Amino acid sequence: MPEPQNFSREMPSMPARNPREAIPVGELNHAIATMLERGFPLTWVRGEISNFTRAASGHWYFSLKDARAQIRCVMFRGRNQHVDFTPREGEAVEVRAVVTLYEARGDLQLGVEAMRRAGLGNLYEAFLRLKEKLAQAGLFAPERKRPVPSHPRAIGIVTSLQAAALRDVLTTLRRRAPHVPVTVYPVPVQGAGAAQKIADMLDQASARRECDVIILCRGGGSIEDLWSFNEEVVAHAIARSAVPVVSGVGHETDFTIADFVADVRAPTPTGAAELVSPDRGHLLALTRRAGDALVQSMRRELDRRAQHLDWLARRVRSPQAQLQERRARVDNLARHLRSALRETVVAQRHRQQLLAMRWTACRPDMAAASADVARLSQRLQAAAIRTHERQTQRLARVAGALELLAPQRTLERGYAVLLDQRGRALRSPAELRAGSVVEAHLADGVADIAIAGVQAKLGGI
């Protein structure tokens, strides 16, 4: 603790005053607060929690006391959110704080920067040092962790035979997966030498390869009770295990080195059992649904095949019946053909005779008719020439107009024709579907276009 003379060296920070001039209270308190903050280094203080209050702002206000004295403390929300427990009345804690003065009331207080349970500081610091060391060694890297098998053939449990957690895990496994065999590898989970025994048992379980996954578990307790799972030897045993390891140590709020190294961390031993075991009831339900679906599918396929067989049976006819039917049809067609030929010949002969008689009676004067034919031929030739010229001119006009209306000319002006997969032209955005493929005809070719999304807009070109 600083000597009293250190405080006198802080006084020159106050403005020089007439010794008889009165100092405002606020200025005096500010000077005292400055001297306290500069004179006392940031230090750890031990005591019991008293009068603990959590303000609406999230700040903590409490007193630290021992048998001789007490002092007010404040821990602001930005600091207390990093504390992994909620202080209780009478709980022994150690706080890292700076001595200061609440200037508004002139109260001496500690501004708390960090808090830990009393007696756990050394263990927690050792935990943090080992955690940093193993993290730098790559034992916590996500890429080295393996997935837990969804349907393990056997499950191993490394824990104490007297642990209540073992009963919880076995009960959960018996309920969820009674068909999966379980092997228990008994070890002490706390006390002297427990960490080395846990590591040896993990090595043994890994070497025997009797299980597809190993649960490392124990119930909750203090940090001293769980310390075996914070030892480096256990961390390396988990990392070199050939079998995936699931850590279920302590309660949900407890974290150990084993949790960070394990392939999967469960919040509790029961949670670890649920992670590694498939739900038998769920699997049976899935199997029943799959079986029912298979039966329905087979029944529909058999019905479809039976209907197709009936259709084929109706189409099958004997060759003799088909031959008789076709012979009768040929005979009928032959009769119709003979009758039609006979009637046609008689009718044509009568018509020829009638035409011959009418031709004889109406035979024209060939000389006059030839002159008329020659004259008409000349007129017809002239008319044909004029008609040809007019039709040629009209054809040129129509061809020009048709050329302007030709689909190719329309495409060359930047338009496109969209056809669906059945070759129908698409005329409305409502006919477009996301994920469909349309055929776009452009001026220089055809392209298939996959539609990712459709957003209809009002208006047109």
Protein backbone atom coordinates (compact mmCIF):
# COMPACT_ATOMS: atom_id res chain seq x y z
CA MET A 1 0.00 0.00 0.00
CA PRO A 2 1.42 3.51 -0.80
CA GLU A 3 2.91 5.53 2.05
CA PRO A 4 1.02 8.66 3.27
CA GLN A 5 3.62 10.99 1.78
CA ASN A 6 2.53 9.89 -1.72
CA PHE A 7 -0.74 11.73 -1.23
CA SER A 8 1.01 15.04 -0.59
CA ARG A 9 2.69 14.79 -3.97
CA GLU A 10 -0.74 14.71 -5.67
CA MET A 11 -1.88 17.95 -4.07
CA PRO A 12 0.00 20.23 -6.50
CA SER A 13 -2.46 19.05 -9.16
CA MET A 14 -5.00 21.39 -7.54
CA PRO A 15 -4.91 25.02 -8.70
CA ALA A 16 -2.85 27.33 -6.46
CA ARG A 17 -5.11 29.11 -3.97
CA ASN A 18 -4.97 31.64 -1.16
CA PRO A 19 -4.67 29.56 2.05
CA ARG A 20 -7.57 31.52 3.51
CA GLU A 21 -9.80 30.97 0.44
CA ALA A 22 -12.54 28.32 0.89
CA ILE A 23 -12.42 25.26 -1.39
CA PRO A 24 -15.73 24.10 -2.99
CA VAL A 25 -16.84 20.67 -1.82
CA GLY A 26 -17.02 19.31 -5.34
CA GLU A 27 -13.48 20.39 -6.11
CA LEU A 28 -12.22 18.93 -2.84
CA ASN A 29 -13.93 15.59 -3.51
CA HIS A 30 -12.55 15.51 -7.05
CA ALA A 31 -9.02 16.09 -5.73
CA ILE A 32 -9.43 13.35 -3.14
CA ALA A 33 -10.78 10.92 -5.78
CA THR A 34 -7.82 11.73 -8.05
CA MET A 35 -5.32 11.13 -5.26
CA LEU A 36 -6.94 7.84 -4.30
CA GLU A 37 -7.02 6.52 -7.87
CA ARG A 38 -3.39 7.48 -8.45
CA GLY A 39 -2.14 6.51 -5.02
CA PHE A 40 -3.62 2.99 -4.82
CA PRO A 41 -2.72 0.56 -7.59
CA LEU A 42 -5.27 -1.84 -9.12
CA THR A 43 -5.26 -4.70 -6.58
CA TRP A 44 -7.15 -7.80 -5.44
CA VAL A 45 -9.32 -7.46 -2.30
CA ARG A 46 -10.97 -10.36 -0.43
CA GLY A 47 -14.22 -10.16 1.55
CA GLU A 48 -17.85 -11.29 1.88
CA ILE A 49 -20.70 -9.93 -0.22
CA SER A 50 -23.17 -7.76 1.69
CA ASN A 51 -26.19 -5.65 0.63
CA PHE A 52 -25.93 -6.84 -2.99
CA THR A 53 -28.18 -4.89 -5.39
CA ARG A 54 -28.60 -5.13 -9.18
CA ALA A 55 -29.78 -1.79 -10.55
CA ALA A 56 -32.13 -1.41 -13.52
CA SER A 57 -29.13 -0.16 -15.50
CA GLY A 58 -27.39 -3.51 -14.96
CA HIS A 59 -24.77 -2.14 -12.54
CA TRP A 60 -23.98 -4.04 -9.31
CA TYR A 61 -23.83 -2.25 -5.95
CA PHE A 62 -22.68 -4.12 -2.83
CA SER A 63 -20.33 -3.99 0.16
CA LEU A 64 -17.29 -6.13 0.92
CA LYS A 65 -16.80 -6.91 4.58
CA ASP A 66 -14.73 -9.00 6.93
CA ALA A 67 -14.55 -9.25 10.73
CA ARG A 68 -12.90 -5.83 11.05
CA ALA A 69 -14.44 -3.50 8.44
CA GLN A 70 -16.47 -3.06 5.29
CA ILE A 71 -16.31 -0.89 2.13
CA ARG A 72 -18.81 0.05 -0.56
CA CYS A 73 -18.26 -1.35 -4.07
CA VAL A 74 -19.65 -0.73 -7.55
CA MET A 75 -19.23 -2.96 -10.61
CA PHE A 76 -20.58 -1.50 -13.81
CA ARG A 77 -22.49 -3.51 -16.40
CA GLY A 78 -19.64 -3.50 -18.90
CA ARG A 79 -17.51 -5.32 -16.33
CA ASN A 80 -19.98 -7.59 -14.54
CA GLN A 81 -21.18 -9.21 -17.75
CA HIS A 82 -17.88 -11.10 -17.85
CA VAL A 83 -18.40 -12.65 -14.38
CA ASP A 84 -19.43 -16.31 -14.77
CA PHE A 85 -21.56 -16.41 -11.59
CA THR A 86 -24.08 -14.21 -9.75
CA PRO A 87 -22.84 -13.10 -6.30
CA ARG A 88 -24.96 -14.09 -3.31
CA GLU A 89 -25.28 -12.54 0.12
CA GLY A 90 -22.48 -13.73 2.39
CA GLU A 91 -20.46 -15.33 -0.45
CA ALA A 92 -16.69 -14.94 -0.14
CA VAL A 93 -15.18 -13.35 -3.25
CA GLU A 94 -12.02 -11.68 -4.46
CA VAL A 95 -12.35 -8.49 -6.51
CA ARG A 96 -9.80 -6.66 -8.60
CA ALA A 97 -10.58 -3.01 -7.93
CA VAL A 98 -9.33 0.56 -7.75
CA VAL A 99 -9.91 2.74 -4.69
CA THR A 100 -11.97 5.81 -5.60
CA LEU A 101 -14.43 8.32 -4.21
CA TYR A 102 -18.02 8.79 -5.28
CA GLU A 103 -17.78 12.57 -5.53
CA ALA A 104 -21.53 13.31 -5.43
CA ARG A 105 -21.86 11.92 -1.88
CA GLY A 106 -18.24 11.86 -0.75
CA ASP A 107 -18.41 8.07 -0.22
CA LEU A 108 -15.24 5.99 -0.34
CA GLN A 109 -15.76 2.98 -2.63
CA LEU A 110 -14.06 0.36 -4.75
CA GLY A 111 -14.48 0.42 -8.52
CA VAL A 112 -14.51 -3.33 -9.29
CA GLU A 113 -12.94 -4.44 -12.57
CA ALA A 114 -13.10 -8.26 -12.10
CA MET A 115 -14.51 -10.76 -9.61
CA ARG A 116 -13.85 -14.37 -8.73
CA ARG A 117 -14.88 -16.71 -5.97
CA ALA A 118 -12.45 -16.61 -3.07
CA GLY A 119 -9.86 -19.37 -3.10
CA LEU A 120 -10.38 -20.16 -6.80
CA GLY A 121 -8.08 -17.52 -8.21
CA ASN A 122 -5.01 -19.72 -8.54
CA LEU A 123 -6.98 -22.60 -10.03
CA TYR A 124 -8.72 -20.33 -12.50
CA GLU A 125 -5.45 -18.76 -13.58
CA ALA A 126 -3.98 -22.23 -14.06
CA PHE A 127 -7.07 -23.13 -16.11
CA LEU A 128 -6.61 -20.10 -18.36
CA ARG A 129 -2.88 -20.77 -18.84
CA LEU A 130 -3.47 -24.39 -19.83
CA LYS A 131 -6.37 -23.41 -22.10
CA GLU A 132 -4.18 -20.93 -23.95
CA LYS A 133 -1.33 -23.45 -24.23
CA LEU A 134 -3.56 -26.19 -25.66
CA ALA A 135 -5.28 -23.76 -28.01
CA GLN A 136 -1.91 -22.75 -29.45
CA ALA A 137 -1.06 -26.44 -29.82
CA GLY A 138 -4.19 -26.89 -31.99
CA LEU A 139 -6.12 -29.21 -29.65
CA PHE A 140 -9.22 -27.00 -29.86
CA ALA A 141 -9.15 -26.62 -33.66
CA PRO A 142 -12.55 -27.40 -35.25
CA GLU A 143 -10.94 -29.20 -38.20
CA ARG A 144 -9.49 -31.95 -36.01
CA LYS A 145 -12.84 -32.78 -34.41
CA ARG A 146 -14.82 -35.72 -35.74
CA PRO A 147 -18.59 -36.08 -36.11
CA VAL A 148 -20.45 -38.37 -33.74
CA PRO A 149 -21.87 -41.42 -35.57
CA SER A 150 -25.64 -41.15 -35.93
CA HIS A 151 -26.15 -44.91 -35.40
CA PRO A 152 -23.34 -46.25 -33.19
CA ARG A 153 -23.01 -50.02 -32.90
CA ALA A 154 -21.66 -49.73 -29.33
CA ILE A 155 -21.24 -46.90 -26.80
CA GLY A 156 -18.50 -46.57 -24.18
CA ILE A 157 -18.74 -44.61 -20.90
CA VAL A 158 -15.67 -43.47 -18.99
CA THR A 159 -16.73 -42.46 -15.45
CA SER A 160 -16.95 -43.64 -11.87
CA LEU A 161 -19.20 -46.59 -11.01
CA GLN A 162 -20.45 -44.62 -8.00
CA ALA A 163 -21.26 -41.47 -10.00
CA ALA A 164 -24.90 -40.41 -10.14
CA ALA A 165 -24.17 -39.27 -13.69
CA LEU A 166 -23.61 -42.91 -14.71
CA ARG A 167 -27.14 -43.83 -13.64
CA ASP A 168 -28.57 -40.88 -15.56
CA VAL A 169 -26.62 -41.81 -18.70
CA LEU A 170 -27.57 -45.50 -18.52
CA THR A 171 -31.23 -44.62 -17.93
CA THR A 172 -31.24 -42.31 -20.96
CA LEU A 173 -29.50 -44.88 -23.19
CA ARG A 174 -31.86 -47.64 -22.04
CA ARG A 175 -34.85 -45.43 -22.87
CA ARG A 176 -33.62 -44.13 -26.25
CA ALA A 177 -31.54 -47.01 -27.64
CA PRO A 178 -31.95 -50.27 -25.70
CA HIS A 179 -30.61 -52.17 -28.72
CA VAL A 180 -27.15 -50.54 -28.52
CA PRO A 181 -24.65 -52.34 -26.20
CA VAL A 182 -22.94 -50.16 -23.59
CA THR A 183 -19.46 -50.69 -22.10
CA VAL A 184 -18.50 -48.89 -18.88
CA TYR A 185 -14.82 -48.13 -18.27
CA PRO A 186 -14.66 -47.37 -14.51
CA VAL A 187 -12.25 -44.71 -13.23
CA PRO A 188 -12.18 -42.29 -10.27
CA VAL A 189 -13.30 -38.85 -11.41
CA GLN A 190 -11.77 -36.76 -8.63
CA GLY A 191 -9.00 -36.91 -6.11
CA ALA A 192 -5.26 -37.50 -6.30
CA GLY A 193 -4.15 -39.36 -9.43
CA ALA A 194 -7.63 -39.32 -10.98
CA ALA A 195 -6.49 -37.40 -14.07
CA GLN A 196 -3.81 -39.96 -14.96
CA LYS A 197 -6.25 -42.82 -14.47
CA ILE A 198 -8.82 -41.12 -16.70
CA ALA A 199 -6.16 -40.65 -19.39
CA ASP A 200 -5.06 -44.30 -19.12
CA MET A 201 -8.64 -45.54 -19.39
CA LEU A 202 -9.27 -43.35 -22.46
CA ASP A 203 -6.15 -44.84 -24.08
CA GLN A 204 -7.33 -48.34 -23.21
CA ALA A 205 -10.83 -47.76 -24.61
CA SER A 206 -9.32 -46.28 -27.78
CA ALA A 207 -6.96 -49.22 -28.23
CA ARG A 208 -9.67 -51.84 -27.70
CA ARG A 209 -11.96 -50.22 -30.32
CA GLU A 210 -15.02 -51.86 -28.80
CA CYS A 211 -17.16 -48.75 -29.21
CA ASP A 212 -17.99 -46.27 -31.95
CA VAL A 213 -18.18 -43.34 -29.52
CA ILE A 214 -17.04 -42.67 -25.93
CA ILE A 215 -18.88 -40.57 -23.32
CA LEU A 216 -16.57 -38.92 -20.74
CA CYS A 217 -18.81 -37.74 -17.92
CA ARG A 218 -19.36 -36.91 -14.28
CA GLY A 219 -21.87 -34.86 -12.31
CA GLY A 220 -21.55 -31.25 -11.24
CA GLY A 221 -19.37 -29.91 -8.46
CA SER A 222 -16.96 -27.19 -7.50
CA ILE A 223 -13.96 -26.31 -9.60
CA GLU A 224 -11.81 -28.43 -7.29
CA ASP A 225 -14.13 -31.43 -7.82
CA LEU A 226 -13.94 -31.03 -11.61
CA TRP A 227 -10.22 -30.29 -11.71
CA SER A 228 -9.25 -33.77 -12.94
CA PHE A 229 -10.88 -32.83 -16.25
CA ASN A 230 -8.71 -29.69 -16.45
CA GLU A 231 -5.42 -31.63 -16.44
CA GLU A 232 -3.20 -31.62 -19.51
CA VAL A 233 -2.78 -35.40 -19.47
CA VAL A 234 -6.55 -35.85 -19.92
CA ALA A 235 -6.65 -33.30 -22.73
CA HIS A 236 -3.94 -35.13 -24.71
CA ALA A 237 -5.63 -38.50 -24.11
CA ILE A 238 -8.87 -37.13 -25.59
CA ALA A 239 -7.02 -35.63 -28.56
CA ARG A 240 -5.20 -38.87 -29.47
CA SER A 241 -8.26 -41.10 -29.03
CA ALA A 242 -9.07 -43.05 -32.19
CA VAL A 243 -12.75 -43.02 -31.17
CA PRO A 244 -14.84 -39.79 -31.08
CA VAL A 245 -15.21 -38.48 -27.52
CA VAL A 246 -18.28 -36.64 -26.19
CA SER A 247 -17.70 -34.63 -23.00
CA GLY A 248 -20.56 -34.36 -20.51
CA VAL A 249 -18.86 -32.98 -17.39
CA GLY A 250 -20.78 -31.07 -14.73
CA HIS A 251 -23.75 -28.80 -15.24
CA GLU A 252 -24.55 -26.65 -18.26
CA THR A 253 -22.63 -23.68 -16.86
CA ASP A 254 -19.50 -25.72 -16.06
CA PHE A 255 -16.68 -25.65 -18.62
CA THR A 256 -13.53 -27.76 -18.43
CA ILE A 257 -10.49 -28.29 -20.65
CA ALA A 258 -12.00 -31.65 -21.60
CA ASP A 259 -15.03 -29.84 -23.07
CA PHE A 260 -12.82 -27.81 -25.42
CA VAL A 261 -10.72 -30.79 -26.58
CA ALA A 262 -13.58 -33.28 -26.99
CA ASP A 263 -15.12 -33.79 -30.41
CA VAL A 264 -18.51 -32.68 -29.02
CA ARG A 265 -19.35 -30.94 -25.74
CA ALA A 266 -22.70 -31.78 -24.10
CA PRO A 267 -24.20 -29.51 -21.42
CA THR A 268 -24.83 -32.42 -19.01
CA PRO A 269 -24.16 -36.18 -18.82
CA THR A 270 -27.77 -36.81 -19.81
CA GLY A 271 -27.31 -34.47 -22.77
CA ALA A 272 -24.25 -36.47 -23.82
CA ALA A 273 -26.30 -39.68 -23.76
CA GLU A 274 -28.95 -38.05 -25.94
CA LEU A 275 -26.32 -36.82 -28.40
CA VAL A 276 -24.79 -40.25 -29.03
CA SER A 277 -27.94 -42.39 -29.02
CA PRO A 278 -30.54 -42.54 -31.77
CA ASP A 279 -34.13 -42.33 -30.56
CA ARG A 280 -35.45 -45.88 -30.94
CA GLY A 281 -39.09 -44.76 -30.97
CA HIS A 282 -38.37 -42.24 -33.72
CA LEU A 283 -36.45 -44.85 -35.76
CA LEU A 284 -39.30 -47.36 -35.39
CA ALA A 285 -41.80 -44.73 -36.50
CA LEU A 286 -39.68 -43.92 -39.54
CA THR A 287 -39.38 -47.63 -40.34
CA ARG A 288 -43.14 -48.11 -40.08
CA ARG A 289 -43.80 -45.13 -42.34
CA ALA A 290 -41.26 -46.38 -44.87
CA GLY A 291 -42.81 -49.86 -44.78
CA ASP A 292 -46.32 -48.48 -45.28
CA ALA A 293 -45.11 -46.34 -48.18
CA LEU A 294 -43.41 -49.38 -49.75
CA VAL A 295 -46.57 -51.49 -49.44
CA GLN A 296 -48.68 -48.73 -51.01
CA SER A 297 -46.19 -48.31 -53.82
CA MET A 298 -46.10 -52.05 -54.55
CA ARG A 299 -49.91 -52.23 -54.46
CA ARG A 300 -50.25 -49.33 -56.92
CA GLU A 301 -47.64 -50.89 -59.23
CA LEU A 302 -49.42 -54.28 -59.16
CA ASP A 303 -52.77 -52.61 -59.92
CA ARG A 304 -51.23 -50.70 -62.83
CA ARG A 305 -49.63 -53.86 -64.24
CA ALA A 306 -52.90 -55.81 -63.86
CA GLN A 307 -54.83 -53.07 -65.71
CA HIS A 308 -52.25 -53.08 -68.50
CA LEU A 309 -52.48 -56.87 -68.71
CA ASP A 310 -56.27 -56.68 -69.08
CA TRP A 311 -55.88 -54.11 -71.87
CA LEU A 312 -53.41 -56.36 -73.70
CA ALA A 313 -55.70 -59.37 -73.23
CA ARG A 314 -58.60 -57.52 -74.88
CA ARG A 315 -56.43 -56.75 -77.90
CA VAL A 316 -55.21 -60.33 -78.38
CA ARG A 317 -57.25 -62.29 -80.99
CA SER A 318 -56.73 -65.71 -82.59
CA PRO A 319 -55.04 -65.76 -86.02
CA GLN A 320 -57.89 -67.87 -87.50
CA ALA A 321 -60.52 -65.30 -86.53
CA GLN A 322 -58.41 -62.47 -87.93
CA LEU A 323 -57.92 -64.44 -91.22
CA GLN A 324 -61.66 -65.12 -91.64
CA GLU A 325 -62.52 -61.48 -90.98
CA ARG A 326 -60.01 -60.24 -93.53
CA ARG A 327 -61.12 -62.82 -96.14
CA ALA A 328 -64.73 -61.67 -95.77
CA ARG A 329 -63.63 -58.06 -96.10
CA VAL A 330 -61.68 -58.86 -99.32
CA ASP A 331 -64.70 -60.65 -100.83
CA ASN A 332 -66.96 -57.71 -100.01
CA LEU A 333 -64.52 -55.21 -101.57
CA ALA A 334 -64.24 -57.40 -104.72
CA ARG A 335 -68.03 -57.39 -105.20
CA HIS A 336 -68.18 -53.64 -104.78
CA LEU A 337 -65.36 -53.21 -107.28
CA ARG A 338 -67.01 -55.38 -109.97
CA SER A 339 -70.33 -53.62 -109.53
CA ALA A 340 -68.71 -50.18 -109.67
CA LEU A 341 -66.75 -51.04 -112.83
CA ARG A 342 -69.80 -52.36 -114.63
CA GLU A 343 -71.95 -49.33 -113.79
CA THR A 344 -69.17 -46.94 -114.73
CA VAL A 345 -68.63 -48.55 -118.17
CA VAL A 346 -72.35 -48.43 -119.03
CA ALA A 347 -72.68 -44.83 -117.93
CA GLN A 348 -69.63 -43.72 -119.89
CA ARG A 349 -70.81 -45.48 -123.05
CA HIS A 350 -74.20 -43.69 -122.87
CA ARG A 351 -72.52 -40.37 -122.28
CA GLN A 352 -70.20 -40.90 -125.25
CA GLN A 353 -73.10 -41.62 -127.57
CA LEU A 354 -74.99 -38.54 -126.39
CA LEU A 355 -71.96 -36.30 -126.87
CA ALA A 356 -71.38 -37.68 -130.37
CA MET A 357 -74.93 -36.87 -131.37
CA ARG A 358 -74.71 -33.35 -129.93
CA TRP A 359 -71.34 -32.78 -131.60
CA THR A 360 -72.65 -33.83 -134.98
CA ALA A 361 -75.64 -31.46 -134.65
CA CYS A 362 -73.61 -28.55 -133.39
CA ARG A 363 -70.41 -28.84 -135.46
CA PRO A 364 -69.41 -25.19 -136.17
CA ASP A 365 -68.04 -23.42 -139.29
CA MET A 366 -64.35 -24.06 -138.93
CA ALA A 367 -63.16 -21.15 -141.19
CA ALA A 368 -65.10 -18.44 -139.31
CA ALA A 369 -64.31 -20.04 -136.01
CA SER A 370 -60.59 -20.10 -136.93
CA ALA A 371 -60.71 -16.35 -137.76
CA ASP A 372 -62.50 -15.64 -134.46
CA VAL A 373 -59.99 -17.78 -132.63
CA ALA A 374 -57.08 -15.91 -134.22
CA ARG A 375 -58.62 -12.53 -133.36
CA LEU A 376 -59.45 -13.59 -129.83
CA SER A 377 -56.00 -15.06 -129.49
CA GLN A 378 -54.40 -11.73 -130.30
CA ARG A 379 -56.68 -9.92 -127.83
CA LEU A 380 -56.04 -12.55 -125.22
CA GLN A 381 -52.29 -12.24 -125.73
CA ALA A 382 -52.40 -8.45 -125.34
CA ALA A 383 -54.66 -8.71 -122.31
CA ALA A 384 -52.36 -11.31 -120.79
CA ILE A 385 -49.35 -9.03 -121.27
CA ARG A 386 -51.15 -6.11 -119.62
CA THR A 387 -52.42 -8.35 -116.80
CA HIS A 388 -48.94 -9.77 -116.30
CA GLU A 389 -47.47 -6.28 -116.02
CA ARG A 390 -50.13 -5.18 -113.50
CA GLN A 391 -49.72 -8.37 -111.47
CA THR A 392 -45.95 -8.00 -111.57
CA GLN A 393 -46.22 -4.47 -110.22
CA ARG A 394 -48.74 -5.56 -107.56
CA LEU A 395 -46.57 -8.53 -106.63
CA ALA A 396 -43.59 -6.19 -106.15
CA ARG A 397 -45.70 -3.95 -103.87
CA VAL A 398 -47.03 -6.91 -101.87
CA ALA A 399 -43.55 -8.45 -101.64
CA GLY A 400 -42.19 -5.16 -100.27
CA ALA A 401 -44.99 -4.98 -97.70
CA LEU A 402 -44.56 -8.65 -96.86
CA GLU A 403 -40.83 -8.12 -96.42
CA LEU A 404 -41.56 -5.36 -93.90
CA LEU A 405 -43.92 -7.69 -92.01
CA ALA A 406 -41.67 -10.77 -92.23
CA PRO A 407 -40.90 -12.36 -88.77
CA GLN A 408 -37.18 -12.30 -89.57
CA ARG A 409 -37.26 -8.53 -90.08
CA THR A 410 -39.11 -8.16 -86.77
CA LEU A 411 -36.44 -10.27 -85.03
CA GLU A 412 -33.68 -8.17 -86.63
CA ARG A 413 -35.24 -5.07 -85.06
CA GLY A 414 -34.42 -6.50 -81.58
CA TYR A 415 -37.55 -8.54 -80.85
CA ALA A 416 -37.64 -12.19 -79.78
CA VAL A 417 -40.20 -15.00 -79.83
CA LEU A 418 -40.51 -17.15 -76.66
CA LEU A 419 -41.84 -20.69 -77.00
CA ASP A 420 -42.57 -23.08 -74.14
CA GLN A 421 -41.40 -26.69 -74.12
CA ARG A 422 -44.44 -27.72 -76.23
CA GLY A 423 -43.66 -25.10 -78.88
CA ARG A 424 -46.46 -22.71 -77.97
CA ALA A 425 -45.80 -18.97 -78.10
CA LEU A 426 -45.73 -17.20 -74.74
CA ARG A 427 -47.71 -13.94 -74.71
CA SER A 428 -48.16 -13.13 -70.99
CA PRO A 429 -45.86 -12.93 -67.94
CA ALA A 430 -48.40 -15.16 -66.17
CA GLU A 431 -47.32 -18.03 -68.47
CA LEU A 432 -43.74 -17.85 -67.18
CA ARG A 433 -42.73 -20.05 -64.25
CA ALA A 434 -39.55 -19.89 -62.15
CA GLY A 435 -37.34 -22.89 -62.88
CA SER A 436 -38.89 -23.52 -66.35
CA VAL A 437 -36.95 -23.48 -69.64
CA VAL A 438 -38.17 -21.48 -72.65
CA GLU A 439 -36.91 -21.41 -76.25
CA ALA A 440 -36.00 -17.92 -77.46
CA HIS A 441 -35.95 -17.31 -81.24
CA LEU A 442 -33.65 -14.40 -82.08
CA ALA A 443 -32.45 -12.82 -85.31
CA ASP A 444 -29.27 -14.91 -85.44
CA GLY A 445 -30.40 -18.16 -83.88
CA VAL A 446 -32.27 -19.99 -81.13
CA ALA A 447 -31.36 -20.29 -77.42
CA ASP A 448 -32.78 -22.16 -74.42
CA ILE A 449 -33.26 -19.88 -71.40
CA ALA A 450 -33.73 -21.13 -67.79
CA ILE A 451 -35.95 -18.74 -65.82
CA ALA A 452 -34.63 -18.07 -62.30
CA GLY A 453 -37.47 -15.78 -61.23
CA VAL A 454 -40.47 -13.89 -62.68
CA GLN A 455 -41.55 -10.39 -61.70
CA ALA A 456 -44.49 -9.15 -63.76
CA LYS A 457 -44.56 -5.44 -64.68
CA LEU A 458 -47.38 -3.31 -66.07
CA GLY A 459 -47.20 -1.63 -69.47
CA GLY A 460 -45.64 -2.64 -72.77
CA ILE A 461 -43.35 -1.42 -75.53
